[in-house]
Amino acid sequence: MKEIGVLDLAALREGGEAVVLLDVREPDELALASIPWALAIPMGEVPERLAELPADTPIAVLCHGGFRSARVTAFLNANGFPQAVNVAGGIDAWSRAVDPSVPTY
């Protein structure tokens, strides 16, 4: 499974690259900390909501620390989304390395 670091993801975004950030955390986690431009689909809903994901745009999958997003990334890779990558370290790493205004929890 492919991974992307948060600094590389931020650089892609700042460079204008098309990338979908898929946040697979639960609604209560999103209430604590979120990235405004992310598409939020809880992990358990991803299989039934595949039609909401673009087939032709890279997808970076994010959770709190990287475990759930790794599982979702593997699922997406096996189900027609070979461009999906795991965001290493999740939103925790994003908060610490990219945007400290995003709270840690």
Protein backbone atom coordinates (compact mmCIF):
# COMPACT_ATOMS: atom_id res chain seq x y z
CA MET A 1 0.00 0.00 0.00
CA LYS A 2 1.22 3.45 -0.88
CA GLU A 3 1.51 6.23 1.70
CA ILE A 4 1.98 9.96 1.56
CA GLY A 5 3.40 12.13 4.31
CA VAL A 6 1.49 15.16 5.51
CA LEU A 7 4.17 17.57 4.28
CA ASP A 8 4.03 16.05 0.80
CA LEU A 9 0.23 16.20 0.83
CA ALA A 10 0.31 19.86 1.87
CA ALA A 11 2.82 20.61 -0.90
CA LEU A 12 0.56 18.96 -3.49
CA ARG A 13 -2.41 20.96 -2.28
CA GLU A 14 -0.47 24.23 -2.23
CA GLY A 15 0.84 23.48 -5.72
CA GLY A 16 -2.70 23.22 -7.05
CA GLU A 17 -2.61 19.46 -7.64
CA ALA A 18 -6.00 17.78 -7.76
CA VAL A 19 -6.26 15.48 -4.75
CA VAL A 20 -9.25 14.40 -2.70
CA LEU A 21 -8.64 14.16 1.03
CA LEU A 22 -10.96 11.44 2.33
CA ASP A 23 -11.40 11.68 6.11
CA VAL A 24 -12.71 8.34 7.41
CA ARG A 25 -13.04 9.32 11.07
CA GLU A 26 -16.35 9.32 12.94
CA PRO A 27 -18.55 12.44 13.30
CA ASP A 28 -17.59 12.94 16.95
CA GLU A 29 -13.91 13.00 15.93
CA LEU A 30 -14.63 15.47 13.14
CA ALA A 31 -16.23 17.76 15.73
CA LEU A 32 -12.92 17.80 17.63
CA ALA A 33 -10.62 18.44 14.67
CA SER A 34 -11.07 18.60 10.93
CA ILE A 35 -9.57 19.86 7.71
CA PRO A 36 -12.15 22.05 5.93
CA TRP A 37 -11.45 20.81 2.39
CA ALA A 38 -11.70 17.13 3.29
CA LEU A 39 -14.51 14.84 2.16
CA ALA A 40 -15.81 13.14 5.31
CA ILE A 41 -17.12 9.58 4.96
CA PRO A 42 -16.89 7.41 8.10
CA MET A 43 -14.92 4.20 7.60
CA GLY A 44 -17.98 1.97 7.94
CA GLU A 45 -19.86 3.88 5.22
CA VAL A 46 -17.11 3.83 2.58
CA PRO A 47 -18.23 0.57 0.85
CA GLU A 48 -21.76 1.90 0.27
CA ARG A 49 -20.59 5.38 -0.76
CA LEU A 50 -17.95 4.51 -3.37
CA ALA A 51 -19.93 6.41 -6.01
CA GLU A 52 -19.06 9.66 -4.20
CA LEU A 53 -15.35 9.12 -4.87
CA PRO A 54 -13.72 10.21 -8.12
CA ALA A 55 -12.25 7.37 -10.15
CA ASP A 56 -9.75 9.65 -11.91
CA THR A 57 -8.36 11.81 -9.09
CA PRO A 58 -5.81 10.81 -6.46
CA ILE A 59 -7.38 10.10 -3.08
CA ALA A 60 -5.46 10.61 0.17
CA VAL A 61 -7.16 8.72 3.00
CA LEU A 62 -6.92 10.20 6.50
CA CYS A 63 -7.91 9.08 9.99
CA HIS A 64 -6.54 9.95 13.45
CA GLY A 65 -3.22 8.15 13.33
CA GLY A 66 -3.14 6.07 10.15
CA PHE A 67 -4.52 2.64 11.10
CA ARG A 68 -8.13 2.98 9.88
CA SER A 69 -7.07 4.93 6.83
CA ALA A 70 -4.62 2.16 5.92
CA ARG A 71 -7.48 -0.34 5.99
CA VAL A 72 -9.69 1.93 3.87
CA THR A 73 -6.84 2.57 1.44
CA ALA A 74 -6.32 -1.18 0.97
CA PHE A 75 -10.07 -1.61 0.42
CA LEU A 76 -10.15 1.21 -2.14
CA ASN A 77 -7.07 -0.14 -3.96
CA ALA A 78 -8.81 -3.53 -4.25
CA ASN A 79 -12.07 -1.98 -5.45
CA GLY A 80 -11.17 0.18 -8.41
CA PHE A 81 -9.27 3.05 -6.82
CA PRO A 82 -5.59 2.24 -7.40
CA GLN A 83 -4.67 5.92 -6.92
CA ALA A 84 -5.74 5.90 -3.23
CA VAL A 85 -2.92 6.41 -0.72
CA ASN A 86 -2.77 6.39 3.06
CA VAL A 87 -1.90 9.63 4.87
CA ALA A 88 0.88 8.54 7.22
CA GLY A 89 0.27 9.73 10.77
CA GLY A 90 -3.25 10.96 10.06
CA ILE A 91 -4.72 14.21 11.30
CA ASP A 92 -2.47 14.02 14.34
CA ALA A 93 0.59 14.39 12.09
CA TRP A 94 -1.19 17.10 10.06
CA SER A 95 -1.83 19.09 13.25
CA ARG A 96 1.75 18.77 14.42
CA ALA A 97 3.60 19.32 11.12
CA VAL A 98 1.33 21.31 8.80
CA ASP A 99 -1.44 23.22 10.57
CA PRO A 100 -1.16 23.70 14.33
CA SER A 101 -4.57 25.44 14.32
CA VAL A 102 -6.10 21.96 13.90
CA PRO A 103 -6.48 20.66 17.46
CA THR A 104 -4.86 17.42 18.55
CA TYR A 105 -6.79 14.89 20.61
